[in-house]
Amino acid sequence: MIPENRIPTHPGVVLEEEFLTPLCLTQVALAKHLGVPTQRINELVRGKRGVTPETAWLLAGAFETTPQFWLNLQANYDLATNRPKQEIRPLALAT
């Protein structure tokens, strides 16, 4: 269950703080290594873009993680930031 009082960390922050910075790797170098535009990595790091399945596979290969790691980060972030304003009550199913 996602706590209501905390938004999970955006995957771009995880990318920057847990991978790029410790490895002294620039966004430009990562983009070149992955064969993608630098803007794609920059927008991800800035939280302006989410992780797509394709990007998850690329990041998994580059950092020896799994694509599920990256997609789970994105899914948790998306669920927390798109919570409906109103609560929906369960359907009463006929028996």
C-alpha atoms as a PDB file:
ATOM      1  CA  MET A   1       0.000   0.000   0.000  1.00  0.00           C
ATOM      2  CA  ILE A   2       1.314   3.438  -0.914  1.00  0.00           C
ATOM      3  CA  PRO A   3       1.365   5.873   2.012  1.00  0.00           C
ATOM      4  CA  GLU A   4      -0.750   8.930   1.337  1.00  0.00           C
ATOM      5  CA  ASN A   5       1.716  11.333   2.938  1.00  0.00           C
ATOM      6  CA  ARG A   6       4.781  10.442   0.837  1.00  0.00           C
ATOM      7  CA  ILE A   7       5.313  10.559  -2.897  1.00  0.00           C
ATOM      8  CA  PRO A   8       7.751   7.834  -4.011  1.00  0.00           C
ATOM      9  CA  THR A   9      10.992   9.034  -5.525  1.00  0.00           C
ATOM     10  CA  HIS A  10      10.867   9.673  -9.271  1.00  0.00           C
ATOM     11  CA  PRO A  11      13.032   7.188 -11.192  1.00  0.00           C
ATOM     12  CA  GLY A  12      15.025  10.079 -12.654  1.00  0.00           C
ATOM     13  CA  VAL A  13      16.193  11.054  -9.165  1.00  0.00           C
ATOM     14  CA  VAL A  14      17.221   7.455  -8.510  1.00  0.00           C
ATOM     15  CA  LEU A  15      19.079   7.394 -11.831  1.00  0.00           C
ATOM     16  CA  GLU A  16      20.996  10.538 -10.993  1.00  0.00           C
ATOM     17  CA  GLU A  17      21.679   9.981  -7.293  1.00  0.00           C
ATOM     18  CA  GLU A  18      22.266   6.226  -7.251  1.00  0.00           C
ATOM     19  CA  PHE A  19      23.888   5.648 -10.631  1.00  0.00           C
ATOM     20  CA  LEU A  20      25.153   8.717 -12.494  1.00  0.00           C
ATOM     21  CA  THR A  21      26.729  10.629  -9.594  1.00  0.00           C
ATOM     22  CA  PRO A  22      28.469   7.664  -7.898  1.00  0.00           C
ATOM     23  CA  LEU A  23      29.840   6.477 -11.244  1.00  0.00           C
ATOM     24  CA  CYS A  24      30.912  10.019 -12.247  1.00  0.00           C
ATOM     25  CA  LEU A  25      28.845   9.525 -15.394  1.00  0.00           C
ATOM     26  CA  THR A  26      27.294  12.458 -17.246  1.00  0.00           C
ATOM     27  CA  GLN A  27      23.882  12.474 -18.845  1.00  0.00           C
ATOM     28  CA  VAL A  28      25.591  13.015 -22.196  1.00  0.00           C
ATOM     29  CA  ALA A  29      27.853   9.983 -21.715  1.00  0.00           C
ATOM     30  CA  LEU A  30      24.910   7.793 -20.683  1.00  0.00           C
ATOM     31  CA  ALA A  31      22.812   8.933 -23.626  1.00  0.00           C
ATOM     32  CA  LYS A  32      25.673   8.212 -26.008  1.00  0.00           C
ATOM     33  CA  HIS A  33      26.223   4.772 -24.463  1.00  0.00           C
ATOM     34  CA  LEU A  34      22.504   3.937 -24.766  1.00  0.00           C
ATOM     35  CA  GLY A  35      22.215   5.405 -28.262  1.00  0.00           C
ATOM     36  CA  VAL A  36      19.425   7.802 -27.292  1.00  0.00           C
ATOM     37  CA  PRO A  37      19.143  11.603 -27.450  1.00  0.00           C
ATOM     38  CA  THR A  38      20.641  13.439 -24.476  1.00  0.00           C
ATOM     39  CA  GLN A  39      17.314  15.249 -24.073  1.00  0.00           C
ATOM     40  CA  ARG A  40      15.646  11.921 -23.249  1.00  0.00           C
ATOM     41  CA  ILE A  41      18.012  11.305 -20.313  1.00  0.00           C
ATOM     42  CA  ASN A  42      17.871  14.932 -19.194  1.00  0.00           C
ATOM     43  CA  GLU A  43      14.072  14.973 -19.135  1.00  0.00           C
ATOM     44  CA  LEU A  44      14.048  11.714 -17.177  1.00  0.00           C
ATOM     45  CA  VAL A  45      16.500  13.070 -14.594  1.00  0.00           C
ATOM     46  CA  ARG A  46      14.476  16.302 -14.288  1.00  0.00           C
ATOM     47  CA  GLY A  47      11.242  14.361 -13.769  1.00  0.00           C
ATOM     48  CA  LYS A  48       9.715  15.648 -17.000  1.00  0.00           C
ATOM     49  CA  ARG A  49       9.611  12.191 -18.586  1.00  0.00           C
ATOM     50  CA  GLY A  50       8.848   8.754 -17.251  1.00  0.00           C
ATOM     51  CA  VAL A  51      10.585   5.445 -17.765  1.00  0.00           C
ATOM     52  CA  THR A  52       9.144   3.560 -20.730  1.00  0.00           C
ATOM     53  CA  PRO A  53       9.596  -0.194 -21.186  1.00  0.00           C
ATOM     54  CA  GLU A  54      12.261   0.495 -23.823  1.00  0.00           C
ATOM     55  CA  THR A  55      14.150   2.845 -21.509  1.00  0.00           C
ATOM     56  CA  ALA A  56      13.828   0.308 -18.689  1.00  0.00           C
ATOM     57  CA  TRP A  57      15.538  -2.316 -20.847  1.00  0.00           C
ATOM     58  CA  LEU A  58      18.312   0.104 -21.806  1.00  0.00           C
ATOM     59  CA  LEU A  59      18.961   1.212 -18.228  1.00  0.00           C
ATOM     60  CA  ALA A  60      18.841  -2.389 -17.002  1.00  0.00           C
ATOM     61  CA  GLY A  61      21.490  -3.386 -19.502  1.00  0.00           C
ATOM     62  CA  ALA A  62      23.734  -0.432 -18.740  1.00  0.00           C
ATOM     63  CA  PHE A  63      23.579  -0.723 -14.959  1.00  0.00           C
ATOM     64  CA  GLU A  64      23.129  -4.495 -14.557  1.00  0.00           C
ATOM     65  CA  THR A  65      19.712  -4.124 -12.957  1.00  0.00           C
ATOM     66  CA  THR A  66      16.395  -5.467 -14.203  1.00  0.00           C
ATOM     67  CA  PRO A  67      13.839  -3.663 -16.349  1.00  0.00           C
ATOM     68  CA  GLN A  68      11.331  -4.415 -13.576  1.00  0.00           C
ATOM     69  CA  PHE A  69      13.397  -2.306 -11.171  1.00  0.00           C
ATOM     70  CA  TRP A  70      12.964   0.772 -13.363  1.00  0.00           C
ATOM     71  CA  LEU A  71       9.334   0.101 -14.266  1.00  0.00           C
ATOM     72  CA  ASN A  72       8.427  -0.505 -10.612  1.00  0.00           C
ATOM     73  CA  LEU A  73       9.949   2.834  -9.653  1.00  0.00           C
ATOM     74  CA  GLN A  74       7.862   4.481 -12.376  1.00  0.00           C
ATOM     75  CA  ALA A  75       4.670   2.618 -11.493  1.00  0.00           C
ATOM     76  CA  ASN A  76       4.943   3.525  -7.800  1.00  0.00           C
ATOM     77  CA  TYR A  77       5.534   7.163  -8.675  1.00  0.00           C
ATOM     78  CA  ASP A  78       2.630   7.224 -11.157  1.00  0.00           C
ATOM     79  CA  LEU A  79       0.212   5.595  -8.719  1.00  0.00           C
ATOM     80  CA  ALA A  80       1.045   8.066  -5.959  1.00  0.00           C
ATOM     81  CA  THR A  81       0.832  11.137  -8.164  1.00  0.00           C
ATOM     82  CA  ASN A  82      -2.387  10.111  -9.901  1.00  0.00           C
ATOM     83  CA  ARG A  83      -4.480   9.042  -6.906  1.00  0.00           C
ATOM     84  CA  PRO A  84      -8.151   9.910  -7.463  1.00  0.00           C
ATOM     85  CA  LYS A  85      -9.478  12.793  -5.378  1.00  0.00           C
ATOM     86  CA  GLN A  86     -12.620  10.898  -4.439  1.00  0.00           C
ATOM     87  CA  GLU A  87     -12.752   7.521  -2.771  1.00  0.00           C
ATOM     88  CA  ILE A  88     -14.576   4.823  -4.735  1.00  0.00           C
ATOM     89  CA  ARG A  89     -16.647   2.403  -2.722  1.00  0.00           C
ATOM     90  CA  PRO A  90     -16.586  -1.285  -3.655  1.00  0.00           C
ATOM     91  CA  LEU A  91     -19.318  -2.675  -5.885  1.00  0.00           C
ATOM     92  CA  ALA A  92     -21.999  -4.701  -4.171  1.00  0.00           C
ATOM     93  CA  LEU A  93     -21.975  -7.968  -6.085  1.00  0.00           C
ATOM     94  CA  ALA A  94     -25.181  -9.989  -6.362  1.00  0.00           C
ATOM     95  CA  THR A  95     -25.026 -13.472  -4.905  1.00  0.00           C
END
